[in-house]
PDB file of N, CA and C in Angstrom:
ATOM      1  N   UNK A   1     123.823 135.687 170.699  1.00  0.00           N
ATOM      2  CA  UNK A   1     123.225 134.440 170.261  1.00  0.00           C
ATOM      3  C   UNK A   1     121.704 134.551 170.198  1.00  0.00           C
ATOM      4  N   UNK A   2     121.119 135.529 170.910  1.00  0.00           N
ATOM      5  CA  UNK A   2     119.672 135.706 170.862  1.00  0.00           C
ATOM      6  C   UNK A   2     119.224 136.092 169.462  1.00  0.00           C
ATOM      7  N   UNK A   3     120.110 136.673 168.691  1.00  0.00           N
ATOM      8  CA  UNK A   3     119.779 137.099 167.333  1.00  0.00           C
ATOM      9  C   UNK A   3     120.282 136.094 166.305  1.00  0.00           C
ATOM     10  N   UNK A   4     121.515 135.636 166.450  1.00  0.00           N
ATOM     11  CA  UNK A   4     122.142 134.810 165.422  1.00  0.00           C
ATOM     12  C   UNK A   4     121.510 133.426 165.274  1.00  0.00           C
ATOM     13  N   UNK A   5     121.177 132.780 166.377  1.00  0.00           N
ATOM     14  CA  UNK A   5     120.623 131.420 166.274  1.00  0.00           C
ATOM     15  C   UNK A   5     119.244 131.401 165.616  1.00  0.00           C
ATOM     16  N   UNK A   6     118.281 132.241 166.050  1.00  0.00           N
ATOM     17  CA  UNK A   6     116.993 132.255 165.335  1.00  0.00           C
ATOM     18  C   UNK A   6     117.148 132.677 163.870  1.00  0.00           C
ATOM     19  N   UNK A   7     118.072 133.605 163.615  1.00  0.00           N
ATOM     20  CA  UNK A   7     118.306 134.028 162.229  1.00  0.00           C
ATOM     21  C   UNK A   7     118.865 132.874 161.404  1.00  0.00           C
ATOM     22  N   UNK A   8     119.723 132.066 161.998  1.00  0.00           N
ATOM     23  CA  UNK A   8     120.277 130.901 161.307  1.00  0.00           C
ATOM     24  C   UNK A   8     119.174 129.914 160.955  1.00  0.00           C
ATOM     25  N   UNK A   9     118.289 129.648 161.919  1.00  0.00           N
ATOM     26  CA  UNK A   9     117.189 128.713 161.672  1.00  0.00           C
ATOM     27  C   UNK A   9     116.246 129.238 160.593  1.00  0.00           C
ATOM     28  N   UNK A  10     115.974 130.540 160.616  1.00  0.00           N
ATOM     29  CA  UNK A  10     115.122 131.130 159.588  1.00  0.00           C
ATOM     30  C   UNK A  10     115.800 131.059 158.224  1.00  0.00           C
ATOM     31  N   UNK A  11     117.107 131.303 158.169  1.00  0.00           N
ATOM     32  CA  UNK A  11     117.834 131.217 156.902  1.00  0.00           C
ATOM     33  C   UNK A  11     117.781 129.790 156.350  1.00  0.00           C
ATOM     34  N   UNK A  12     117.881 128.800 157.224  1.00  0.00           N
ATOM     35  CA  UNK A  12     117.774 127.399 156.779  1.00  0.00           C
ATOM     36  C   UNK A  12     116.402 127.136 156.170  1.00  0.00           C
ATOM     37  N   UNK A  13     115.364 127.587 156.843  1.00  0.00           N
ATOM     38  CA  UNK A  13     114.006 127.370 156.341  1.00  0.00           C
ATOM     39  C   UNK A  13     113.788 128.104 155.018  1.00  0.00           C
ATOM     40  N   UNK A  14     114.259 129.333 154.928  1.00  0.00           N
ATOM     41  CA  UNK A  14     114.107 130.089 153.686  1.00  0.00           C
ATOM     42  C   UNK A  14     114.887 129.450 152.544  1.00  0.00           C
ATOM     43  N   UNK A  15     116.061 128.946 152.851  1.00  0.00           N
ATOM     44  CA  UNK A  15     116.874 128.270 151.834  1.00  0.00           C
ATOM     45  C   UNK A  15     116.102 127.093 151.238  1.00  0.00           C
ATOM     46  N   UNK A  16     115.500 126.301 152.091  1.00  0.00           N
ATOM     47  CA  UNK A  16     114.743 125.142 151.626  1.00  0.00           C
ATOM     48  C   UNK A  16     113.529 125.591 150.811  1.00  0.00           C
ATOM     49  N   UNK A  17     112.798 126.577 151.322  1.00  0.00           N
ATOM     50  CA  UNK A  17     111.605 127.053 150.628  1.00  0.00           C
ATOM     51  C   UNK A  17     111.917 127.677 149.268  1.00  0.00           C
ATOM     52  N   UNK A  18     112.865 128.579 149.241  1.00  0.00           N
ATOM     53  CA  UNK A  18     113.165 129.301 147.998  1.00  0.00           C
ATOM     54  C   UNK A  18     113.728 128.362 146.950  1.00  0.00           C
ATOM     55  N   UNK A  19     114.701 127.554 147.325  1.00  0.00           N
ATOM     56  CA  UNK A  19     115.346 126.719 146.323  1.00  0.00           C
ATOM     57  C   UNK A  19     114.568 125.432 146.023  1.00  0.00           C
ATOM     58  N   UNK A  20     113.475 125.211 146.720  1.00  0.00           N
ATOM     59  CA  UNK A  20     112.552 124.161 146.296  1.00  0.00           C
ATOM     60  C   UNK A  20     111.735 124.641 145.099  1.00  0.00           C
ATOM     61  N   UNK A  21     111.587 125.960 144.989  1.00  0.00           N
ATOM     62  CA  UNK A  21     110.798 126.547 143.913  1.00  0.00           C
ATOM     63  C   UNK A  21     111.641 127.151 142.790  1.00  0.00           C
ATOM     64  N   UNK A  22     112.891 127.509 143.090  1.00  0.00           N
ATOM     65  CA  UNK A  22     113.751 128.201 142.130  1.00  0.00           C
ATOM     66  C   UNK A  22     114.970 127.341 141.831  1.00  0.00           C
ATOM     67  N   UNK A  23     115.243 127.146 140.563  1.00  0.00           N
ATOM     68  CA  UNK A  23     116.436 126.410 140.146  1.00  0.00           C
ATOM     69  C   UNK A  23     117.577 127.410 139.942  1.00  0.00           C
ATOM     70  N   UNK A  24     118.684 127.272 140.678  1.00  0.00           N
ATOM     71  CA  UNK A  24     119.786 128.220 140.529  1.00  0.00           C
ATOM     72  C   UNK A  24     120.337 128.294 139.102  1.00  0.00           C
ATOM     73  N   UNK A  25     120.188 127.238 138.325  1.00  0.00           N
ATOM     74  CA  UNK A  25     120.651 127.252 136.948  1.00  0.00           C
ATOM     75  C   UNK A  25     119.813 128.145 136.042  1.00  0.00           C
ATOM     76  N   UNK A  26     118.590 128.465 136.447  1.00  0.00           N
ATOM     77  CA  UNK A  26     117.696 129.303 135.658  1.00  0.00           C
ATOM     78  C   UNK A  26     117.766 130.782 136.024  1.00  0.00           C
ATOM     79  N   UNK A  27     118.598 131.148 136.992  1.00  0.00           N
ATOM     80  CA  UNK A  27     118.674 132.542 137.423  1.00  0.00           C
ATOM     81  C   UNK A  27     119.433 133.385 136.405  1.00  0.00           C
ATOM     82  N   UNK A  28     118.915 134.585 136.181  1.00  0.00           N
ATOM     83  CA  UNK A  28     119.551 135.528 135.259  1.00  0.00           C
ATOM     84  C   UNK A  28     119.704 136.877 135.944  1.00  0.00           C
ATOM     85  N   UNK A  29     120.746 137.617 135.567  1.00  0.00           N
ATOM     86  CA  UNK A  29     120.983 138.957 136.071  1.00  0.00           C
ATOM     87  C   UNK A  29     121.254 139.857 134.881  1.00  0.00           C
ATOM     88  N   UNK A  30     120.389 140.858 134.706  1.00  0.00           N
ATOM     89  CA  UNK A  30     120.475 141.807 133.585  1.00  0.00           C
ATOM     90  C   UNK A  30     120.474 141.092 132.242  1.00  0.00           C
ATOM     91  N   UNK A  31     119.643 140.094 132.132  1.00  0.00           N
ATOM     92  CA  UNK A  31     119.468 139.393 130.877  1.00  0.00           C
ATOM     93  C   UNK A  31     120.477 138.301 130.576  1.00  0.00           C
ATOM     94  N   UNK A  32     121.442 138.106 131.447  1.00  0.00           N
ATOM     95  CA  UNK A  32     122.458 137.076 131.232  1.00  0.00           C
ATOM     96  C   UNK A  32     122.421 136.072 132.377  1.00  0.00           C
ATOM     97  N   UNK A  33     122.752 134.822 132.034  1.00  0.00           N
ATOM     98  CA  UNK A  33     122.779 133.778 133.062  1.00  0.00           C
ATOM     99  C   UNK A  33     123.890 134.067 134.070  1.00  0.00           C
ATOM    100  N   UNK A  34     123.625 133.747 135.315  1.00  0.00           N
ATOM    101  CA  UNK A  34     124.646 133.911 136.348  1.00  0.00           C
ATOM    102  C   UNK A  34     125.716 132.854 136.112  1.00  0.00           C
ATOM    103  N   UNK A  35     126.961 133.271 136.097  1.00  0.00           N
ATOM    104  CA  UNK A  35     128.054 132.349 135.801  1.00  0.00           C
ATOM    105  C   UNK A  35     128.595 131.631 137.014  1.00  0.00           C
ATOM    106  N   UNK A  36     127.763 131.383 138.001  1.00  0.00           N
ATOM    107  CA  UNK A  36     128.209 130.711 139.222  1.00  0.00           C
ATOM    108  C   UNK A  36     127.624 129.300 139.276  1.00  0.00           C
ATOM    109  N   UNK A  37     128.303 128.430 139.999  1.00  0.00           N
ATOM    110  CA  UNK A  37     127.802 127.066 140.169  1.00  0.00           C
ATOM    111  C   UNK A  37     126.565 127.072 141.061  1.00  0.00           C
ATOM    112  N   UNK A  38     125.840 125.980 141.029  1.00  0.00           N
ATOM    113  CA  UNK A  38     124.654 125.853 141.877  1.00  0.00           C
ATOM    114  C   UNK A  38     125.026 125.987 143.357  1.00  0.00           C
ATOM    115  N   UNK A  39     126.125 125.362 143.735  1.00  0.00           N
ATOM    116  CA  UNK A  39     126.543 125.419 145.140  1.00  0.00           C
ATOM    117  C   UNK A  39     126.869 126.851 145.553  1.00  0.00           C
ATOM    118  N   UNK A  40     127.480 127.620 144.668  1.00  0.00           N
ATOM    119  CA  UNK A  40     127.796 129.018 144.971  1.00  0.00           C
ATOM    120  C   UNK A  40     126.511 129.834 145.147  1.00  0.00           C
ATOM    121  N   UNK A  41     125.514 129.569 144.318  1.00  0.00           N
ATOM    122  CA  UNK A  41     124.235 130.284 144.439  1.00  0.00           C
ATOM    123  C   UNK A  41     123.533 129.892 145.734  1.00  0.00           C
ATOM    124  N   UNK A  42     123.553 128.608 146.072  1.00  0.00           N
ATOM    125  CA  UNK A  42     122.964 128.166 147.344  1.00  0.00           C
ATOM    126  C   UNK A  42     123.658 128.847 148.529  1.00  0.00           C
ATOM    127  N   UNK A  43     124.972 128.896 148.489  1.00  0.00           N
ATOM    128  CA  UNK A  43     125.736 129.497 149.583  1.00  0.00           C
ATOM    129  C   UNK A  43     125.457 130.987 149.694  1.00  0.00           C
ATOM    130  N   UNK A  44     125.487 131.697 148.566  1.00  0.00           N
ATOM    131  CA  UNK A  44     125.214 133.139 148.577  1.00  0.00           C
ATOM    132  C   UNK A  44     123.790 133.409 149.060  1.00  0.00           C
ATOM    133  N   UNK A  45     122.852 132.587 148.620  1.00  0.00           N
ATOM    134  CA  UNK A  45     121.471 132.745 149.067  1.00  0.00           C
ATOM    135  C   UNK A  45     121.327 132.537 150.559  1.00  0.00           C
ATOM    136  N   UNK A  46     121.979 131.509 151.078  1.00  0.00           N
ATOM    137  CA  UNK A  46     121.906 131.242 152.513  1.00  0.00           C
ATOM    138  C   UNK A  46     122.453 132.417 153.316  1.00  0.00           C
ATOM    139  N   UNK A  47     123.631 132.931 152.936  1.00  0.00           N
ATOM    140  CA  UNK A  47     124.209 134.040 153.689  1.00  0.00           C
ATOM    141  C   UNK A  47     123.399 135.329 153.528  1.00  0.00           C
ATOM    142  N   UNK A  48     122.783 135.527 152.375  1.00  0.00           N
ATOM    143  CA  UNK A  48     121.909 136.691 152.206  1.00  0.00           C
ATOM    144  C   UNK A  48     120.687 136.574 153.117  1.00  0.00           C
ATOM    145  N   UNK A  49     120.081 135.387 153.165  1.00  0.00           N
ATOM    146  CA  UNK A  49     118.937 135.179 154.056  1.00  0.00           C
ATOM    147  C   UNK A  49     119.340 135.354 155.519  1.00  0.00           C
ATOM    148  N   UNK A  50     120.512 134.835 155.875  1.00  0.00           N
ATOM    149  CA  UNK A  50     120.983 134.941 157.263  1.00  0.00           C
ATOM    150  C   UNK A  50     121.248 136.397 157.625  1.00  0.00           C
ATOM    151  N   UNK A  51     121.842 137.148 156.716  1.00  0.00           N
ATOM    152  CA  UNK A  51     122.120 138.560 156.970  1.00  0.00           C
ATOM    153  C   UNK A  51     120.819 139.349 157.141  1.00  0.00           C
ATOM    154  N   UNK A  52     119.848 139.107 156.284  1.00  0.00           N
ATOM    155  CA  UNK A  52     118.567 139.804 156.400  1.00  0.00           C
ATOM    156  C   UNK A  52     117.844 139.450 157.692  1.00  0.00           C
ATOM    157  N   UNK A  53     117.845 138.186 158.054  1.00  0.00           N
ATOM    158  CA  UNK A  53     117.180 137.766 159.294  1.00  0.00           C
ATOM    159  C   UNK A  53     117.910 138.319 160.515  1.00  0.00           C
ATOM    160  N   UNK A  54     119.239 138.379 160.463  1.00  0.00           N
ATOM    161  CA  UNK A  54     120.014 138.945 161.566  1.00  0.00           C
ATOM    162  C   UNK A  54     119.705 140.430 161.727  1.00  0.00           C
ATOM    163  N   UNK A  55     119.656 141.148 160.615  1.00  0.00           N
ATOM    164  CA  UNK A  55     119.311 142.573 160.671  1.00  0.00           C
ATOM    165  C   UNK A  55     117.926 142.798 161.233  1.00  0.00           C
ATOM    166  N   UNK A  56     116.988 141.975 160.826  1.00  0.00           N
ATOM    167  CA  UNK A  56     115.632 142.093 161.335  1.00  0.00           C
ATOM    168  C   UNK A  56     115.574 141.821 162.838  1.00  0.00           C
ATOM    169  N   UNK A  57     116.255 140.777 163.276  1.00  0.00           N
ATOM    170  CA  UNK A  57     116.278 140.453 164.703  1.00  0.00           C
ATOM    171  C   UNK A  57     116.967 141.518 165.534  1.00  0.00           C
ATOM    172  N   UNK A  58     118.064 142.054 165.015  1.00  0.00           N
ATOM    173  CA  UNK A  58     118.791 143.111 165.739  1.00  0.00           C
ATOM    174  C   UNK A  58     117.946 144.371 165.853  1.00  0.00           C
ATOM    175  N   UNK A  59     117.267 144.723 164.781  1.00  0.00           N
ATOM    176  CA  UNK A  59     116.401 145.905 164.825  1.00  0.00           C
ATOM    177  C   UNK A  59     115.245 145.684 165.797  1.00  0.00           C
ATOM    178  N   UNK A  60     114.670 144.517 165.809  1.00  0.00           N
ATOM    179  CA  UNK A  60     113.591 144.209 166.748  1.00  0.00           C
ATOM    180  C   UNK A  60     114.080 144.303 168.187  1.00  0.00           C
ATOM    181  N   UNK A  61     115.255 143.743 168.465  1.00  0.00           N
ATOM    182  CA  UNK A  61     115.804 143.811 169.816  1.00  0.00           C
ATOM    183  C   UNK A  61     116.096 145.256 170.216  1.00  0.00           C
ATOM    184  N   UNK A  62     116.614 146.050 169.289  1.00  0.00           N
ATOM    185  CA  UNK A  62     116.878 147.461 169.576  1.00  0.00           C
ATOM    186  C   UNK A  62     115.589 148.208 169.886  1.00  0.00           C
ATOM    187  N   UNK A  63     114.550 147.941 169.130  1.00  0.00           N
ATOM    188  CA  UNK A  63     113.296 148.665 169.323  1.00  0.00           C
ATOM    189  C   UNK A  63     112.530 148.233 170.566  1.00  0.00           C
ATOM    190  N   UNK A  64     112.888 147.112 171.167  1.00  0.00           N
ATOM    191  CA  UNK A  64     112.221 146.698 172.406  1.00  0.00           C
ATOM    192  C   UNK A  64     112.848 147.337 173.638  1.00  0.00           C
ATOM    193  N   UNK A  65     114.020 147.956 173.472  1.00  0.00           N
ATOM    194  CA  UNK A  65     114.678 148.611 174.611  1.00  0.00           C
ATOM    195  C   UNK A  65     114.020 149.951 174.889  1.00  0.00           C
ATOM    196  N   UNK A  66     113.945 150.359 176.159  1.00  0.00           N
ATOM    197  CA  UNK A  66     113.359 151.662 176.488  1.00  0.00           C
ATOM    198  C   UNK A  66     114.245 152.798 175.954  1.00  0.00           C
ATOM    199  N   UNK A  67     113.633 153.926 175.632  1.00  0.00           N
ATOM    200  CA  UNK A  67     114.353 155.063 175.056  1.00  0.00           C
ATOM    201  C   UNK A  67     115.433 155.580 176.010  1.00  0.00           C
ATOM    202  N   UNK A  68     115.165 155.577 177.318  1.00  0.00           N
ATOM    203  CA  UNK A  68     116.165 156.091 178.267  1.00  0.00           C
ATOM    204  C   UNK A  68     117.416 155.235 178.263  1.00  0.00           C
ATOM    205  N   UNK A  69     117.270 153.951 178.012  1.00  0.00           N
ATOM    206  CA  UNK A  69     118.422 153.045 177.968  1.00  0.00           C
ATOM    207  C   UNK A  69     119.264 153.275 176.709  1.00  0.00           C
ATOM    208  N   UNK A  70     118.627 153.592 175.613  1.00  0.00           N
ATOM    209  CA  UNK A  70     119.334 153.842 174.364  1.00  0.00           C
ATOM    210  C   UNK A  70     119.998 155.215 174.390  1.00  0.00           C
ATOM    211  N   UNK A  71     119.296 156.213 174.899  1.00  0.00           N
ATOM    212  CA  UNK A  71     119.797 157.586 174.882  1.00  0.00           C
ATOM    213  C   UNK A  71     120.825 157.868 175.962  1.00  0.00           C
ATOM    214  N   UNK A  72     120.866 157.072 177.023  1.00  0.00           N
ATOM    215  CA  UNK A  72     121.812 157.270 178.106  1.00  0.00           C
ATOM    216  C   UNK A  72     122.529 155.945 178.378  1.00  0.00           C
ATOM    217  N   UNK A  73     123.519 155.564 177.556  1.00  0.00           N
ATOM    218  CA  UNK A  73     124.167 154.255 177.701  1.00  0.00           C
ATOM    219  C   UNK A  73     125.019 154.102 178.960  1.00  0.00           C
ATOM    220  N   UNK A  74     125.294 155.187 179.678  1.00  0.00           N
ATOM    221  CA  UNK A  74     126.137 155.100 180.874  1.00  0.00           C
ATOM    222  C   UNK A  74     125.439 154.344 181.999  1.00  0.00           C
ATOM    223  N   UNK A  75     124.134 154.328 182.007  1.00  0.00           N
ATOM    224  CA  UNK A  75     123.395 153.661 183.095  1.00  0.00           C
ATOM    225  C   UNK A  75     123.207 152.214 182.836  1.00  0.00           C
TER     226      UNK A  75
END
């Protein structure tokens, strides 16, 4: 929960910021309009933001651990 909850809050904030500036109906991929509904784009965006924030938090938590703890998990 040390990683997931802050990542969730960051994903919420990013969702509001990004989609306040970007209209999902105007998104294109390889020159063609995305054939998904606005709600589907909002949902995919939220989970993408949450996944990226979770990865960032997990990597940060891993890098704060001492090397002896990572290299010798038995202790």
